[in-house]
C-alpha atoms as a PDB file:
ATOM      1  CA  MET A   1     145.039 109.421 189.950  1.00  0.00           C
ATOM      2  CA  ALA A   2     145.467 113.174 191.176  1.00  0.00           C
ATOM      3  CA  VAL A   3     148.675 114.727 191.019  1.00  0.00           C
ATOM      4  CA  ILE A   4     149.713 118.063 193.022  1.00  0.00           C
ATOM      5  CA  LEU A   5     152.764 120.032 191.836  1.00  0.00           C
ATOM      6  CA  LEU A   6     153.944 122.758 193.914  1.00  0.00           C
ATOM      7  CA  THR A   7     156.818 124.256 191.970  1.00  0.00           C
ATOM      8  CA  ILE A   8     157.591 126.740 194.519  1.00  0.00           C
ATOM      9  CA  THR A   9     158.685 124.248 197.084  1.00  0.00           C
ATOM     10  CA  GLY A  10     159.519 121.538 194.641  1.00  0.00           C
ATOM     11  CA  LEU A  11     156.941 119.048 196.154  1.00  0.00           C
ATOM     12  CA  VAL A  12     155.122 116.453 194.344  1.00  0.00           C
ATOM     13  CA  PHE A  13     152.369 114.596 196.003  1.00  0.00           C
ATOM     14  CA  PHE A  14     151.174 111.157 194.703  1.00  0.00           C
ATOM     15  CA  PRO A  15     148.190 109.548 196.679  1.00  0.00           C
ATOM     16  CA  SER A  16     149.053 106.212 198.125  1.00  0.00           C
ATOM     17  CA  PRO A  17     147.419 103.275 196.138  1.00  0.00           C
ATOM     18  CA  ALA A  18     145.073 102.574 199.432  1.00  0.00           C
ATOM     19  CA  LEU A  19     143.386 106.114 198.872  1.00  0.00           C
ATOM     20  CA  SER A  20     142.861 105.471 194.972  1.00  0.00           C
ATOM     21  CA  ARG A  21     141.344 102.012 195.675  1.00  0.00           C
ATOM     22  CA  ALA A  22     138.909 102.814 198.549  1.00  0.00           C
ATOM     23  CA  ALA A  23     135.180 101.311 198.578  1.00  0.00           C
ATOM     24  CA  THR A  24     132.491 103.294 197.596  1.00  0.00           C
ATOM     25  CA  SER A  25     129.494 103.892 199.816  1.00  0.00           C
ATOM     26  CA  CYS A  26     126.334 102.964 198.059  1.00  0.00           C
ATOM     27  CA  ARG A  27     122.396 103.208 198.439  1.00  0.00           C
ATOM     28  CA  PRO A  28     121.246  99.843 200.092  1.00  0.00           C
ATOM     29  CA  PRO A  29     119.022  97.715 197.873  1.00  0.00           C
ATOM     30  CA  ARG A  30     115.165  97.248 198.560  1.00  0.00           C
ATOM     31  CA  GLY A  31     114.297  93.709 199.359  1.00  0.00           C
ATOM     32  CA  PRO A  32     114.758  90.881 199.020  1.00  0.00           C
ATOM     33  CA  GLY A  33     111.175  89.791 198.580  1.00  0.00           C
ATOM     34  CA  ASP A  34     109.422  93.089 199.123  1.00  0.00           C
ATOM     35  CA  ASN A  35     110.202  96.922 198.444  1.00  0.00           C
ATOM     36  CA  LEU A  36     111.565  97.701 201.957  1.00  0.00           C
ATOM     37  CA  VAL A  37     115.294  98.598 203.103  1.00  0.00           C
ATOM     38  CA  HIS A  38     116.374  95.538 205.149  1.00  0.00           C
ATOM     39  CA  SER A  39     120.148  96.584 205.211  1.00  0.00           C
ATOM     40  CA  SER A  40     122.908  99.261 205.705  1.00  0.00           C
ATOM     41  CA  ASN A  41     126.505 100.256 204.989  1.00  0.00           C
ATOM     42  CA  LEU A  42     126.595  98.743 201.542  1.00  0.00           C
ATOM     43  CA  LYS A  43     130.093  99.238 200.075  1.00  0.00           C
ATOM     44  CA  ALA A  44     131.510  98.329 196.551  1.00  0.00           C
ATOM     45  CA  LYS A  45     135.280  97.958 195.669  1.00  0.00           C
ATOM     46  CA  GLY A  46     135.946  97.198 191.985  1.00  0.00           C
ATOM     47  CA  VAL A  47     132.176  97.180 190.725  1.00  0.00           C
ATOM     48  CA  SER A  48     129.425  99.797 190.618  1.00  0.00           C
ATOM     49  CA  CYS A  49     126.725 100.466 193.041  1.00  0.00           C
ATOM     50  CA  ARG A  50     124.413  98.899 190.713  1.00  0.00           C
ATOM     51  CA  VAL A  51     126.282  95.655 190.668  1.00  0.00           C
ATOM     52  CA  ALA A  52     126.770  95.392 194.388  1.00  0.00           C
ATOM     53  CA  ARG A  53     123.124  95.724 194.741  1.00  0.00           C
ATOM     54  CA  ARG A  54     122.458  93.008 192.590  1.00  0.00           C
ATOM     55  CA  VAL A  55     125.127  90.932 194.215  1.00  0.00           C
ATOM     56  CA  VAL A  56     123.877  91.253 197.667  1.00  0.00           C
ATOM     57  CA  LEU A  57     120.338  90.370 196.594  1.00  0.00           C
ATOM     58  CA  ALA A  58     121.520  87.383 194.646  1.00  0.00           C
ATOM     59  CA  SER A  59     123.302  86.072 197.682  1.00  0.00           C
ATOM     60  CA  THR A  60     120.115  85.678 199.207  1.00  0.00           C
ATOM     61  CA  LYS A  61     118.652  83.197 196.435  1.00  0.00           C
ATOM     62  CA  GLY A  62     120.688  80.367 197.591  1.00  0.00           C
ATOM     63  CA  PRO A  63     119.350  76.835 197.899  1.00  0.00           C
ATOM     64  CA  ARG A  64     115.924  76.742 199.391  1.00  0.00           C
ATOM     65  CA  GLY A  65     115.686  80.280 198.746  1.00  0.00           C
ATOM     66  CA  ARG A  66     117.987  81.859 201.284  1.00  0.00           C
ATOM     67  CA  PHE A  67     121.718  82.810 202.053  1.00  0.00           C
ATOM     68  CA  SER A  68     124.097  79.845 201.480  1.00  0.00           C
ATOM     69  CA  GLU A  69     127.438  80.591 202.772  1.00  0.00           C
ATOM     70  CA  GLY A  70     130.176  80.128 200.303  1.00  0.00           C
ATOM     71  CA  THR A  71     127.942  78.908 197.590  1.00  0.00           C
ATOM     72  CA  PRO A  72     129.325  80.280 194.212  1.00  0.00           C
ATOM     73  CA  PHE A  73     126.868  82.468 191.978  1.00  0.00           C
ATOM     74  CA  ARG A  74     127.203  84.538 188.864  1.00  0.00           C
ATOM     75  CA  VAL A  75     126.409  88.351 188.718  1.00  0.00           C
ATOM     76  CA  ALA A  76     127.556  90.719 185.989  1.00  0.00           C
ATOM     77  CA  ASN A  77     129.593  87.902 184.527  1.00  0.00           C
ATOM     78  CA  GLN A  78     131.619  87.546 187.463  1.00  0.00           C
ATOM     79  CA  ARG A  79     131.674  84.579 189.984  1.00  0.00           C
ATOM     80  CA  TRP A  80     130.693  85.677 193.547  1.00  0.00           C
ATOM     81  CA  HIS A  81     131.305  83.896 196.952  1.00  0.00           C
ATOM     82  CA  CYS A  82     129.634  85.483 200.029  1.00  0.00           C
ATOM     83  CA  TYR A  83     130.471  84.891 203.659  1.00  0.00           C
ATOM     84  CA  ALA A  84     128.637  86.224 206.753  1.00  0.00           C
ATOM     85  CA  SER A  85     130.193  87.456 210.375  1.00  0.00           C
ATOM     86  CA  PRO A  86     129.355  84.993 213.409  1.00  0.00           C
ATOM     87  CA  PHE A  87     126.255  85.621 214.828  1.00  0.00           C
ATOM     88  CA  PRO A  88     124.913  88.164 216.372  1.00  0.00           C
ATOM     89  CA  SER A  89     126.653  90.464 213.610  1.00  0.00           C
ATOM     90  CA  SER A  90     124.881  90.477 210.559  1.00  0.00           C
ATOM     91  CA  HIS A  91     127.829  91.849 208.341  1.00  0.00           C
ATOM     92  CA  GLN A  92     128.201  89.969 204.997  1.00  0.00           C
ATOM     93  CA  ARG A  93     131.218  90.329 202.558  1.00  0.00           C
ATOM     94  CA  CYS A  94     131.199  89.049 198.825  1.00  0.00           C
ATOM     95  CA  THR A  95     134.128  88.586 196.746  1.00  0.00           C
ATOM     96  CA  SER A  96     134.217  87.835 192.854  1.00  0.00           C
ATOM     97  CA  SER A  97     136.769  86.233 190.650  1.00  0.00           C
ATOM     98  CA  THR A  98     138.112  89.414 189.636  1.00  0.00           C
ATOM     99  CA  ARG A  99     138.820  90.575 193.266  1.00  0.00           C
ATOM    100  CA  ALA A 100     135.980  92.817 193.491  1.00  0.00           C
ATOM    101  CA  VAL A 101     134.516  93.001 196.774  1.00  0.00           C
ATOM    102  CA  VAL A 102     130.916  94.169 198.290  1.00  0.00           C
ATOM    103  CA  SER A 103     130.260  94.467 201.792  1.00  0.00           C
ATOM    104  CA  ILE A 104     126.982  95.165 203.508  1.00  0.00           C
ATOM    105  CA  VAL A 105     124.970  94.831 207.054  1.00  0.00           C
ATOM    106  CA  TRP A 106     121.512  93.228 207.119  1.00  0.00           C
ATOM    107  CA  ALA A 107     119.053  94.555 209.393  1.00  0.00           C
ATOM    108  CA  ASP A 108     116.904  91.526 209.580  1.00  0.00           C
END
């Protein structure tokens, strides 16, 4: 946590908790099923970008090989659930048992 001390004016600045817990923008994954990028705006909070990419790709491998909303799955020793926005939006949000959050926008 960054702390700025200004001794001349006597001000002390502590960033708000919201700033220190902001989501990280990540490079979107390639795939699923090929080596192309099918998404954008991958964000991770509480996990690394590498884990975030694994989460969103694993979310597409539900029953019958496609996304199944709310079906739990495990990635990086955490239990995840993913939910999608109503059509025509293609925003997906996944949360873990440890309160980590991953979000992505699928292009197709």
